[in-house]
Amino acid sequence: MITLEFSLSKTLGVLIALILMFAYPLYQQAQRQDTLSQIVVHSAVTEFVDAARTKGYITPVMYTDLTRKLGATGNQYDIKMEHLHKKYHPVYTDPADPTSFKNSFATYFDGHYTDEIMKRLFPDNALGLEDNNRRYLMAEGDFFTVKAKNINRTMATVLQDFFLNGNTGDNTRIYMPYGGMVLNEDY
């Protein structure tokens, strides 16, 4: 009986030692990889959005450069784009009477999203990537935002689920929202 308890405690001790020597450092390395991926995604999204805001347009080359840089992390990403085009609407007390203009304007935004932007960048025709007809144009004063998040399970997520014997559910470990006002119309 004493030898069984002694051998069980030795086995448990060896198991804990193996976990501490191999599994935990592996998990820490996977977390560092996610941190590095977050830095790469931050840099790529910031560069893309700032270029689009400064130029006032997006080209297929700009978008493919973004996806190439994100793909270098080894993860898959869901990229959402949002363009809010500023519009002005004159305010009337009676819309049927043009003389009832209140000398003010209501401001609102028309939203244009990823699907619409992608149809402009990558139409179903044979235009070259540098063709000006494939540019998605924005106006000064509009707002442009990109949100990139990973959709795959990173190694850190897999290891965390293994060690905790659970399922995190949401795979998002890398998330980067960035945007701002369009500053220029360089077209």
N, C-alpha and C. Protein backbone atom coordinates (compact mmCIF):
# COMPACT_ATOMS: atom_id res chain seq x y z
N MET A 1 0.82 -1.19 0.00
CA MET A 1 0.00 0.00 0.00
C MET A 1 0.87 1.25 0.00
N ILE A 2 1.90 1.25 0.80
CA ILE A 2 2.79 2.41 0.87
C ILE A 2 3.52 2.59 -0.45
N THR A 3 3.94 1.51 -1.08
CA THR A 3 4.64 1.61 -2.36
C THR A 3 3.72 2.12 -3.46
N LEU A 4 2.43 1.78 -3.41
CA LEU A 4 1.48 2.27 -4.40
C LEU A 4 1.28 3.78 -4.26
N GLU A 5 1.15 4.26 -3.03
CA GLU A 5 1.01 5.70 -2.80
C GLU A 5 2.28 6.43 -3.21
N PHE A 6 3.44 5.83 -2.90
CA PHE A 6 4.70 6.45 -3.24
C PHE A 6 4.87 6.53 -4.75
N SER A 7 4.52 5.47 -5.47
CA SER A 7 4.66 5.48 -6.91
C SER A 7 3.62 6.40 -7.57
N LEU A 8 2.43 6.51 -6.99
CA LEU A 8 1.42 7.44 -7.50
C LEU A 8 1.86 8.88 -7.33
N SER A 9 2.46 9.19 -6.19
CA SER A 9 2.93 10.56 -5.96
C SER A 9 4.10 10.89 -6.88
N LYS A 10 4.98 9.92 -7.13
CA LYS A 10 6.08 10.15 -8.06
C LYS A 10 5.56 10.39 -9.48
N THR A 11 4.57 9.60 -9.88
CA THR A 11 3.99 9.75 -11.22
C THR A 11 3.33 11.11 -11.36
N LEU A 12 2.60 11.52 -10.34
CA LEU A 12 1.95 12.83 -10.37
C LEU A 12 3.00 13.95 -10.39
N GLY A 13 4.07 13.78 -9.64
CA GLY A 13 5.15 14.77 -9.63
C GLY A 13 5.82 14.89 -10.99
N VAL A 14 6.06 13.77 -11.64
CA VAL A 14 6.67 13.78 -12.98
C VAL A 14 5.73 14.44 -13.98
N LEU A 15 4.45 14.14 -13.88
CA LEU A 15 3.46 14.75 -14.77
C LEU A 15 3.42 16.27 -14.61
N ILE A 16 3.42 16.75 -13.39
CA ILE A 16 3.42 18.20 -13.13
C ILE A 16 4.72 18.82 -13.65
N ALA A 17 5.83 18.15 -13.45
CA ALA A 17 7.11 18.66 -13.94
C ALA A 17 7.11 18.77 -15.46
N LEU A 18 6.56 17.76 -16.14
CA LEU A 18 6.50 17.81 -17.60
C LEU A 18 5.63 18.97 -18.08
N ILE A 19 4.51 19.16 -17.41
CA ILE A 19 3.63 20.28 -17.78
C ILE A 19 4.35 21.60 -17.60
N LEU A 20 5.03 21.76 -16.47
CA LEU A 20 5.73 23.01 -16.20
C LEU A 20 6.93 23.22 -17.12
N MET A 21 7.59 22.13 -17.52
CA MET A 21 8.78 22.27 -18.36
C MET A 21 8.46 22.44 -19.84
N PHE A 22 7.36 21.86 -20.32
CA PHE A 22 7.11 21.87 -21.75
C PHE A 22 5.81 22.58 -22.15
N ALA A 23 4.74 22.22 -21.52
CA ALA A 23 3.44 22.74 -21.94
C ALA A 23 3.29 24.24 -21.67
N TYR A 24 3.66 24.68 -20.47
CA TYR A 24 3.49 26.10 -20.15
C TYR A 24 4.37 27.00 -21.03
N PRO A 25 5.64 26.68 -21.25
CA PRO A 25 6.43 27.51 -22.17
C PRO A 25 5.86 27.52 -23.60
N LEU A 26 5.31 26.39 -24.02
CA LEU A 26 4.68 26.34 -25.34
C LEU A 26 3.48 27.29 -25.40
N TYR A 27 2.69 27.31 -24.36
CA TYR A 27 1.54 28.22 -24.28
C TYR A 27 2.00 29.68 -24.27
N GLN A 28 3.04 29.98 -23.52
CA GLN A 28 3.58 31.34 -23.48
C GLN A 28 4.10 31.78 -24.86
N GLN A 29 4.75 30.86 -25.56
CA GLN A 29 5.24 31.16 -26.91
C GLN A 29 4.06 31.44 -27.86
N ALA A 30 3.00 30.67 -27.73
CA ALA A 30 1.82 30.88 -28.58
C ALA A 30 1.17 32.24 -28.27
N GLN A 31 1.15 32.62 -27.01
CA GLN A 31 0.61 33.94 -26.66
C GLN A 31 1.49 35.06 -27.23
N ARG A 32 2.80 34.88 -27.18
CA ARG A 32 3.70 35.88 -27.78
C ARG A 32 3.49 35.98 -29.29
N GLN A 33 3.23 34.84 -29.93
CA GLN A 33 2.93 34.86 -31.37
C GLN A 33 1.68 35.65 -31.66
N ASP A 34 0.65 35.50 -30.84
CA ASP A 34 -0.58 36.29 -31.00
C ASP A 34 -0.30 37.78 -30.80
N THR A 35 0.56 38.11 -29.85
CA THR A 35 0.92 39.51 -29.62
C THR A 35 1.65 40.09 -30.83
N LEU A 36 2.57 39.32 -31.39
CA LEU A 36 3.28 39.77 -32.59
C LEU A 36 2.32 39.92 -33.77
N SER A 37 1.39 38.99 -33.89
CA SER A 37 0.38 39.08 -34.96
C SER A 37 -0.46 40.33 -34.78
N GLN A 38 -0.82 40.66 -33.54
CA GLN A 38 -1.59 41.87 -33.27
C GLN A 38 -0.82 43.12 -33.71
N ILE A 39 0.48 43.13 -33.48
CA ILE A 39 1.31 44.26 -33.89
C ILE A 39 1.33 44.39 -35.41
N VAL A 40 1.49 43.27 -36.12
CA VAL A 40 1.51 43.28 -37.59
C VAL A 40 0.16 43.76 -38.12
N VAL A 41 -0.93 43.26 -37.55
CA VAL A 41 -2.28 43.65 -37.99
C VAL A 41 -2.49 45.14 -37.73
N HIS A 42 -2.08 45.61 -36.57
CA HIS A 42 -2.21 47.04 -36.24
C HIS A 42 -1.48 47.89 -37.27
N SER A 43 -0.26 47.51 -37.58
CA SER A 43 0.54 48.26 -38.54
C SER A 43 -0.10 48.24 -39.94
N ALA A 44 -0.53 47.08 -40.40
CA ALA A 44 -1.09 46.95 -41.75
C ALA A 44 -2.41 47.71 -41.88
N VAL A 45 -3.29 47.57 -40.91
CA VAL A 45 -4.59 48.26 -40.98
C VAL A 45 -4.40 49.77 -40.88
N THR A 46 -3.53 50.21 -39.99
CA THR A 46 -3.26 51.64 -39.85
C THR A 46 -2.70 52.23 -41.15
N GLU A 47 -1.76 51.53 -41.75
CA GLU A 47 -1.17 51.99 -43.01
C GLU A 47 -2.22 52.08 -44.11
N PHE A 48 -3.06 51.05 -44.23
CA PHE A 48 -4.11 51.01 -45.25
C PHE A 48 -5.12 52.15 -45.06
N VAL A 49 -5.63 52.29 -43.86
CA VAL A 49 -6.65 53.31 -43.59
C VAL A 49 -6.07 54.71 -43.76
N ASP A 50 -4.87 54.94 -43.24
CA ASP A 50 -4.27 56.27 -43.39
C ASP A 50 -4.01 56.62 -44.85
N ALA A 51 -3.59 55.64 -45.64
CA ALA A 51 -3.38 55.88 -47.07
C ALA A 51 -4.71 56.21 -47.75
N ALA A 52 -5.76 55.46 -47.42
CA ALA A 52 -7.08 55.72 -48.02
C ALA A 52 -7.62 57.09 -47.59
N ARG A 53 -7.44 57.45 -46.33
CA ARG A 53 -7.92 58.75 -45.84
C ARG A 53 -7.14 59.90 -46.46
N THR A 54 -5.85 59.71 -46.68
CA THR A 54 -5.02 60.77 -47.26
C THR A 54 -5.28 60.93 -48.75
N LYS A 55 -5.46 59.83 -49.46
CA LYS A 55 -5.68 59.88 -50.90
C LYS A 55 -7.13 60.15 -51.27
N GLY A 56 -8.07 59.69 -50.42
CA GLY A 56 -9.49 59.86 -50.73
C GLY A 56 -10.03 58.74 -51.59
N TYR A 57 -9.28 57.67 -51.75
CA TYR A 57 -9.75 56.54 -52.54
C TYR A 57 -9.05 55.26 -52.09
N ILE A 58 -9.61 54.14 -52.54
CA ILE A 58 -9.02 52.82 -52.31
C ILE A 58 -8.83 52.17 -53.67
N THR A 59 -7.69 51.53 -53.86
CA THR A 59 -7.45 50.80 -55.10
C THR A 59 -7.36 49.30 -54.79
N PRO A 60 -7.53 48.46 -55.81
CA PRO A 60 -7.36 47.02 -55.60
C PRO A 60 -5.96 46.66 -55.10
N VAL A 61 -4.94 47.40 -55.55
CA VAL A 61 -3.57 47.13 -55.12
C VAL A 61 -3.43 47.42 -53.62
N MET A 62 -4.03 48.51 -53.16
CA MET A 62 -3.97 48.84 -51.73
C MET A 62 -4.62 47.73 -50.91
N TYR A 63 -5.77 47.24 -51.36
CA TYR A 63 -6.47 46.20 -50.62
C TYR A 63 -5.71 44.87 -50.63
N THR A 64 -5.15 44.50 -51.78
CA THR A 64 -4.40 43.24 -51.84
C THR A 64 -3.12 43.32 -51.00
N ASP A 65 -2.50 44.50 -50.92
CA ASP A 65 -1.35 44.67 -50.03
C ASP A 65 -1.76 44.45 -48.58
N LEU A 66 -2.93 44.98 -48.20
CA LEU A 66 -3.43 44.77 -46.84
C LEU A 66 -3.62 43.28 -46.57
N THR A 67 -4.30 42.59 -47.46
CA THR A 67 -4.56 41.16 -47.22
C THR A 67 -3.27 40.34 -47.23
N ARG A 68 -2.30 40.74 -48.04
CA ARG A 68 -1.01 40.04 -48.07
C ARG A 68 -0.29 40.20 -46.73
N LYS A 69 -0.30 41.42 -46.18
CA LYS A 69 0.36 41.66 -44.90
C LYS A 69 -0.35 40.92 -43.76
N LEU A 70 -1.66 40.90 -43.79
CA LEU A 70 -2.40 40.18 -42.76
C LEU A 70 -2.16 38.68 -42.88
N GLY A 71 -2.11 38.17 -44.10
CA GLY A 71 -1.88 36.75 -44.32
C GLY A 71 -0.51 36.29 -43.87
N ALA A 72 0.46 37.21 -43.78
CA ALA A 72 1.80 36.85 -43.34
C ALA A 72 1.83 36.41 -41.88
N THR A 73 0.79 36.70 -41.13
CA THR A 73 0.73 36.28 -39.72
C THR A 73 0.36 34.81 -39.58
N GLY A 74 -0.12 34.20 -40.66
CA GLY A 74 -0.53 32.81 -40.60
C GLY A 74 -1.96 32.62 -40.13
N ASN A 75 -2.68 33.69 -39.96
CA ASN A 75 -4.08 33.63 -39.52
C ASN A 75 -4.99 34.06 -40.66
N GLN A 76 -6.27 33.74 -40.50
CA GLN A 76 -7.29 34.18 -41.45
C GLN A 76 -8.06 35.32 -40.80
N TYR A 77 -8.44 36.32 -41.61
CA TYR A 77 -9.09 37.50 -41.05
C TYR A 77 -10.40 37.82 -41.76
N ASP A 78 -11.31 38.37 -40.99
CA ASP A 78 -12.55 38.95 -41.50
C ASP A 78 -12.30 40.45 -41.53
N ILE A 79 -12.33 41.03 -42.72
CA ILE A 79 -12.06 42.46 -42.88
C ILE A 79 -13.37 43.15 -43.22
N LYS A 80 -13.78 44.07 -42.38
CA LYS A 80 -15.01 44.85 -42.59
C LYS A 80 -14.60 46.30 -42.85
N MET A 81 -15.14 46.86 -43.94
CA MET A 81 -14.89 48.26 -44.26
C MET A 81 -16.21 49.02 -44.19
N GLU A 82 -16.13 50.26 -43.74
CA GLU A 82 -17.30 51.12 -43.64
C GLU A 82 -16.92 52.52 -44.11
N HIS A 83 -17.67 53.02 -45.08
CA HIS A 83 -17.47 54.38 -45.58
C HIS A 83 -18.75 55.15 -45.32
N LEU A 84 -18.66 56.20 -44.54
CA LEU A 84 -19.82 57.05 -44.25
C LEU A 84 -19.65 58.35 -45.03
N HIS A 85 -20.50 58.52 -46.05
CA HIS A 85 -20.45 59.69 -46.91
C HIS A 85 -21.34 60.78 -46.34
N LYS A 86 -20.74 61.94 -46.09
CA LYS A 86 -21.47 63.04 -45.47
C LYS A 86 -22.38 63.71 -46.50
N LYS A 87 -23.63 63.93 -46.10
CA LYS A 87 -24.62 64.61 -46.95
C LYS A 87 -25.28 65.71 -46.14
N TYR A 88 -25.74 66.72 -46.86
CA TYR A 88 -26.43 67.85 -46.23
C TYR A 88 -27.84 67.94 -46.80
N HIS A 89 -28.79 68.20 -45.93
CA HIS A 89 -30.18 68.30 -46.34
C HIS A 89 -30.72 69.64 -45.83
N PRO A 90 -31.22 70.53 -46.72
CA PRO A 90 -31.75 71.81 -46.25
C PRO A 90 -32.99 71.61 -45.39
N VAL A 91 -33.13 72.46 -44.38
CA VAL A 91 -34.26 72.35 -43.45
C VAL A 91 -35.32 73.37 -43.84
N TYR A 92 -36.55 72.89 -44.06
CA TYR A 92 -37.71 73.71 -44.38
C TYR A 92 -38.79 73.48 -43.32
N THR A 93 -39.56 74.51 -43.01
CA THR A 93 -40.71 74.29 -42.12
C THR A 93 -41.80 73.57 -42.89
N ASP A 94 -41.95 73.90 -44.18
CA ASP A 94 -42.90 73.21 -45.05
C ASP A 94 -42.15 72.78 -46.30
N PRO A 95 -41.86 71.50 -46.47
CA PRO A 95 -41.07 71.04 -47.62
C PRO A 95 -41.69 71.39 -48.97
N ALA A 96 -42.97 71.64 -49.03
CA ALA A 96 -43.62 71.99 -50.30
C ALA A 96 -43.44 73.47 -50.64
N ASP A 97 -43.02 74.27 -49.67
CA ASP A 97 -42.87 75.72 -49.87
C ASP A 97 -41.38 76.09 -49.81
N PRO A 98 -40.76 76.40 -50.98
CA PRO A 98 -39.33 76.73 -50.99
C PRO A 98 -39.00 78.00 -50.22
N THR A 99 -39.95 78.84 -49.96
CA THR A 99 -39.67 80.08 -49.21
C THR A 99 -39.59 79.83 -47.70
N SER A 100 -39.89 78.62 -47.25
CA SER A 100 -39.86 78.34 -45.81
C SER A 100 -38.51 77.78 -45.36
N PHE A 101 -37.46 78.03 -46.14
CA PHE A 101 -36.11 77.57 -45.80
C PHE A 101 -35.68 78.22 -44.49
N LYS A 102 -35.15 77.44 -43.56
CA LYS A 102 -34.78 77.90 -42.22
C LYS A 102 -33.33 78.36 -42.11
N ASN A 103 -32.65 78.50 -43.24
CA ASN A 103 -31.23 78.91 -43.26
C ASN A 103 -30.34 77.96 -42.46
N SER A 104 -30.67 76.69 -42.50
CA SER A 104 -29.82 75.69 -41.85
C SER A 104 -29.91 74.37 -42.64
N PHE A 105 -28.95 73.53 -42.35
CA PHE A 105 -28.87 72.25 -43.03
C PHE A 105 -28.73 71.14 -42.00
N ALA A 106 -29.39 70.03 -42.25
CA ALA A 106 -29.23 68.84 -41.42
C ALA A 106 -28.15 67.98 -42.06
N THR A 107 -27.25 67.47 -41.24
CA THR A 107 -26.17 66.62 -41.72
C THR A 107 -26.51 65.17 -41.42
N TYR A 108 -26.30 64.31 -42.40
CA TYR A 108 -26.48 62.88 -42.20
C TYR A 108 -25.44 62.14 -43.02
N PHE A 109 -25.33 60.86 -42.77
CA PHE A 109 -24.32 60.06 -43.44
C PHE A 109 -24.97 58.88 -44.17
N ASP A 110 -24.57 58.68 -45.42
CA ASP A 110 -24.94 57.49 -46.17
C ASP A 110 -23.86 56.44 -45.93
N GLY A 111 -24.27 55.25 -45.52
CA GLY A 111 -23.30 54.20 -45.24
C GLY A 111 -23.06 53.32 -46.46
N HIS A 112 -21.80 53.05 -46.73
CA HIS A 112 -21.37 52.13 -47.78
C HIS A 112 -20.44 51.12 -47.10
N TYR A 113 -20.70 49.84 -47.33
CA TYR A 113 -20.02 48.81 -46.57
C TYR A 113 -19.21 47.88 -47.45
N THR A 114 -18.60 46.89 -46.84
CA THR A 114 -17.62 46.02 -47.48
C THR A 114 -18.08 45.47 -48.82
N ASP A 115 -19.28 44.93 -48.89
CA ASP A 115 -19.75 44.32 -50.15
C ASP A 115 -19.77 45.32 -51.29
N GLU A 116 -20.28 46.50 -51.03
CA GLU A 116 -20.35 47.53 -52.07
C GLU A 116 -18.95 48.00 -52.47
N ILE A 117 -18.07 48.17 -51.50
CA ILE A 117 -16.70 48.61 -51.79
C ILE A 117 -15.97 47.54 -52.61
N MET A 118 -16.13 46.27 -52.24
CA MET A 118 -15.45 45.18 -52.95
C MET A 118 -15.96 45.04 -54.39
N LYS A 119 -17.25 45.30 -54.62
CA LYS A 119 -17.78 45.24 -55.99
C LYS A 119 -17.14 46.30 -56.87
N ARG A 120 -16.81 47.44 -56.29
CA ARG A 120 -16.15 48.50 -57.05
C ARG A 120 -14.67 48.15 -57.30
N LEU A 121 -14.00 47.59 -56.29
CA LEU A 121 -12.58 47.26 -56.43
C LEU A 121 -12.34 46.06 -57.33
N PHE A 122 -13.22 45.06 -57.23
CA PHE A 122 -13.04 43.82 -57.98
C PHE A 122 -14.31 43.50 -58.77
N PRO A 123 -14.56 44.27 -59.83
CA PRO A 123 -15.78 44.04 -60.63
C PRO A 123 -15.63 42.78 -61.49
N ASP A 124 -16.75 42.38 -62.07
CA ASP A 124 -16.75 41.20 -62.95
C ASP A 124 -16.38 41.60 -64.38
N ASN A 125 -15.20 42.19 -64.55
CA ASN A 125 -14.73 42.53 -65.89
C ASN A 125 -13.22 42.39 -65.94
N ALA A 126 -12.65 42.67 -67.08
CA ALA A 126 -11.23 42.42 -67.30
C ALA A 126 -10.37 43.67 -67.11
N LEU A 127 -10.84 44.66 -66.37
CA LEU A 127 -10.03 45.85 -66.14
C LEU A 127 -8.79 45.51 -65.32
N GLY A 128 -7.68 46.18 -65.61
CA GLY A 128 -6.44 45.94 -64.88
C GLY A 128 -6.52 46.48 -63.46
N LEU A 129 -5.65 46.00 -62.60
CA LEU A 129 -5.66 46.42 -61.19
C LEU A 129 -5.41 47.92 -61.03
N GLU A 130 -4.67 48.50 -61.95
CA GLU A 130 -4.34 49.93 -61.86
C GLU A 130 -5.36 50.83 -62.56
N ASP A 131 -6.38 50.26 -63.16
CA ASP A 131 -7.37 51.04 -63.88
C ASP A 131 -8.13 51.97 -62.93
N ASN A 132 -8.27 53.24 -63.32
CA ASN A 132 -8.94 54.23 -62.46
C ASN A 132 -10.42 53.92 -62.24
N ASN A 133 -11.03 53.14 -63.12
CA ASN A 133 -12.44 52.78 -62.94
C ASN A 133 -12.65 51.79 -61.81
N ARG A 134 -11.57 51.23 -61.29
CA ARG A 134 -11.67 50.30 -60.17
C ARG A 134 -11.39 50.98 -58.83
N ARG A 135 -11.18 52.26 -58.84
CA ARG A 135 -10.96 52.99 -57.59
C ARG A 135 -12.29 53.21 -56.87
N TYR A 136 -12.27 53.05 -55.58
CA TYR A 136 -13.43 53.39 -54.77
C TYR A 136 -13.15 54.79 -54.21
N LEU A 137 -13.95 55.77 -54.64
CA LEU A 137 -13.71 57.17 -54.29
C LEU A 137 -14.48 57.59 -53.05
N MET A 138 -13.84 58.45 -52.26
CA MET A 138 -14.46 59.04 -51.08
C MET A 138 -14.26 60.55 -51.16
N ALA A 139 -15.02 61.29 -50.39
CA ALA A 139 -14.92 62.75 -50.41
C ALA A 139 -14.34 63.25 -49.09
N GLU A 140 -13.71 64.40 -49.17
CA GLU A 140 -13.18 65.03 -47.97
C GLU A 140 -14.31 65.26 -46.97
N GLY A 141 -14.08 64.90 -45.72
CA GLY A 141 -15.09 65.03 -44.69
C GLY A 141 -15.86 63.75 -44.42
N ASP A 142 -15.73 62.75 -45.30
CA ASP A 142 -16.35 61.44 -45.06
C ASP A 142 -15.57 60.72 -43.96
N PHE A 143 -16.12 59.61 -43.51
CA PHE A 143 -15.44 58.78 -42.53
C PHE A 143 -15.21 57.40 -43.11
N PHE A 144 -14.02 56.85 -42.85
CA PHE A 144 -13.65 55.52 -43.34
C PHE A 144 -13.08 54.71 -42.18
N THR A 145 -13.62 53.51 -41.99
CA THR A 145 -13.20 52.65 -40.89
C THR A 145 -12.99 51.22 -41.39
N VAL A 146 -11.98 50.56 -40.85
CA VAL A 146 -11.71 49.15 -41.13
C VAL A 146 -11.63 48.42 -39.80
N LYS A 147 -12.27 47.25 -39.76
CA LYS A 147 -12.18 46.37 -38.59
C LYS A 147 -11.68 45.01 -39.07
N ALA A 148 -10.54 44.60 -38.57
CA ALA A 148 -9.98 43.29 -38.93
C ALA A 148 -9.91 42.42 -37.69
N LYS A 149 -10.41 41.19 -37.80
CA LYS A 149 -10.32 40.26 -36.67
C LYS A 149 -10.06 38.86 -37.21
N ASN A 150 -9.31 38.09 -36.41
CA ASN A 150 -9.02 36.73 -36.86
C ASN A 150 -10.27 35.87 -36.72
N ILE A 151 -10.40 34.91 -37.64
CA ILE A 151 -11.55 34.01 -37.61
C ILE A 151 -11.13 32.56 -37.35
N ASN A 152 -9.84 32.31 -37.35
CA ASN A 152 -9.35 30.96 -37.07
C ASN A 152 -8.97 30.84 -35.59
N ARG A 153 -8.78 29.62 -35.16
CA ARG A 153 -8.34 29.37 -33.79
C ARG A 153 -6.82 29.43 -33.78
N THR A 154 -6.27 30.37 -33.04
CA THR A 154 -4.81 30.46 -32.94
C THR A 154 -4.31 29.35 -32.03
N MET A 155 -3.00 29.12 -32.07
CA MET A 155 -2.41 28.08 -31.22
C MET A 155 -2.64 28.39 -29.75
N ALA A 156 -2.60 29.65 -29.37
CA ALA A 156 -2.84 30.02 -27.97
C ALA A 156 -4.27 29.66 -27.55
N THR A 157 -5.23 29.84 -28.44
CA THR A 157 -6.62 29.47 -28.13
C THR A 157 -6.74 27.95 -27.97
N VAL A 158 -6.10 27.22 -28.87
CA VAL A 158 -6.16 25.75 -28.81
C VAL A 158 -5.54 25.26 -27.50
N LEU A 159 -4.37 25.79 -27.15
CA LEU A 159 -3.71 25.35 -25.91
C LEU A 159 -4.50 25.75 -24.67
N GLN A 160 -5.07 26.95 -24.68
CA GLN A 160 -5.88 27.39 -23.54
C GLN A 160 -7.08 26.45 -23.36
N ASP A 161 -7.73 26.13 -24.44
CA ASP A 161 -8.87 25.21 -24.36
C ASP A 161 -8.44 23.83 -23.87
N PHE A 162 -7.27 23.38 -24.29
CA PHE A 162 -6.76 22.08 -23.86
C PHE A 162 -6.47 22.08 -22.36
N PHE A 163 -5.75 23.11 -21.90
CA PHE A 163 -5.38 23.16 -20.48
C PHE A 163 -6.58 23.35 -19.57
N LEU A 164 -7.55 24.11 -20.02
CA LEU A 164 -8.72 24.38 -19.19
C LEU A 164 -9.86 23.40 -19.45
N ASN A 165 -9.64 22.48 -20.38
CA ASN A 165 -10.65 21.48 -20.74
C ASN A 165 -11.99 22.15 -21.06
N GLY A 166 -11.92 23.16 -21.93
CA GLY A 166 -13.14 23.89 -22.28
C GLY A 166 -13.11 24.34 -23.72
N ASN A 167 -14.04 25.20 -24.03
CA ASN A 167 -14.14 25.78 -25.37
C ASN A 167 -14.41 27.26 -25.20
N THR A 168 -13.49 28.10 -25.66
CA THR A 168 -13.64 29.54 -25.49
C THR A 168 -14.80 30.09 -26.30
N GLY A 169 -15.24 29.38 -27.31
CA GLY A 169 -16.37 29.83 -28.12
C GLY A 169 -15.94 30.85 -29.15
N ASP A 170 -15.60 32.05 -28.73
CA ASP A 170 -15.19 33.10 -29.66
C ASP A 170 -13.71 32.95 -29.96
N ASN A 171 -13.37 32.82 -31.23
CA ASN A 171 -11.98 32.62 -31.63
C ASN A 171 -11.18 33.91 -31.70
N THR A 172 -11.80 35.04 -31.53
CA THR A 172 -11.13 36.31 -31.74
C THR A 172 -10.07 36.57 -30.68
N ARG A 173 -8.81 36.59 -31.11
CA ARG A 173 -7.69 36.94 -30.24
C ARG A 173 -7.00 38.19 -30.79
N ILE A 174 -7.19 38.41 -32.09
CA ILE A 174 -6.54 39.55 -32.75
C ILE A 174 -7.65 40.40 -33.36
N TYR A 175 -7.76 41.63 -32.90
CA TYR A 175 -8.84 42.52 -33.36
C TYR A 175 -8.28 43.92 -33.49
N MET A 176 -8.53 44.55 -34.64
CA MET A 176 -8.01 45.88 -34.87
C MET A 176 -9.05 46.75 -35.56
N PRO A 177 -9.73 47.64 -34.82
CA PRO A 177 -10.59 48.63 -35.46
C PRO A 177 -9.80 49.93 -35.61
N TYR A 178 -9.91 50.55 -36.78
CA TYR A 178 -9.21 51.82 -36.99
C TYR A 178 -9.91 52.60 -38.09
N GLY A 179 -9.97 53.89 -37.92
CA GLY A 179 -10.61 54.72 -38.94
C GLY A 179 -10.49 56.19 -38.59
N GLY A 180 -11.12 57.01 -39.43
CA GLY A 180 -11.11 58.44 -39.21
C GLY A 180 -11.68 59.17 -40.40
N MET A 181 -11.55 60.47 -40.36
CA MET A 181 -12.10 61.33 -41.40
C MET A 181 -11.20 61.35 -42.63
N VAL A 182 -11.81 61.33 -43.80
CA VAL A 182 -11.07 61.45 -45.06
C VAL A 182 -10.55 62.88 -45.15
N LEU A 183 -9.24 63.01 -45.36
CA LEU A 183 -8.59 64.31 -45.28
C LEU A 183 -8.37 64.98 -46.62
N ASN A 184 -8.44 64.22 -47.69
CA ASN A 184 -8.03 64.76 -48.99
C ASN A 184 -8.77 64.04 -50.10
N GLU A 185 -8.83 64.67 -51.26
CA GLU A 185 -9.34 64.04 -52.48
C GLU A 185 -8.24 64.15 -53.52
N ASP A 186 -7.38 63.16 -53.56
CA ASP A 186 -6.21 63.18 -54.43
C ASP A 186 -6.47 62.39 -55.71
N TYR A 187 -7.55 62.73 -56.41
CA TYR A 187 -7.89 62.05 -57.64
C TYR A 187 -8.35 63.01 -58.70
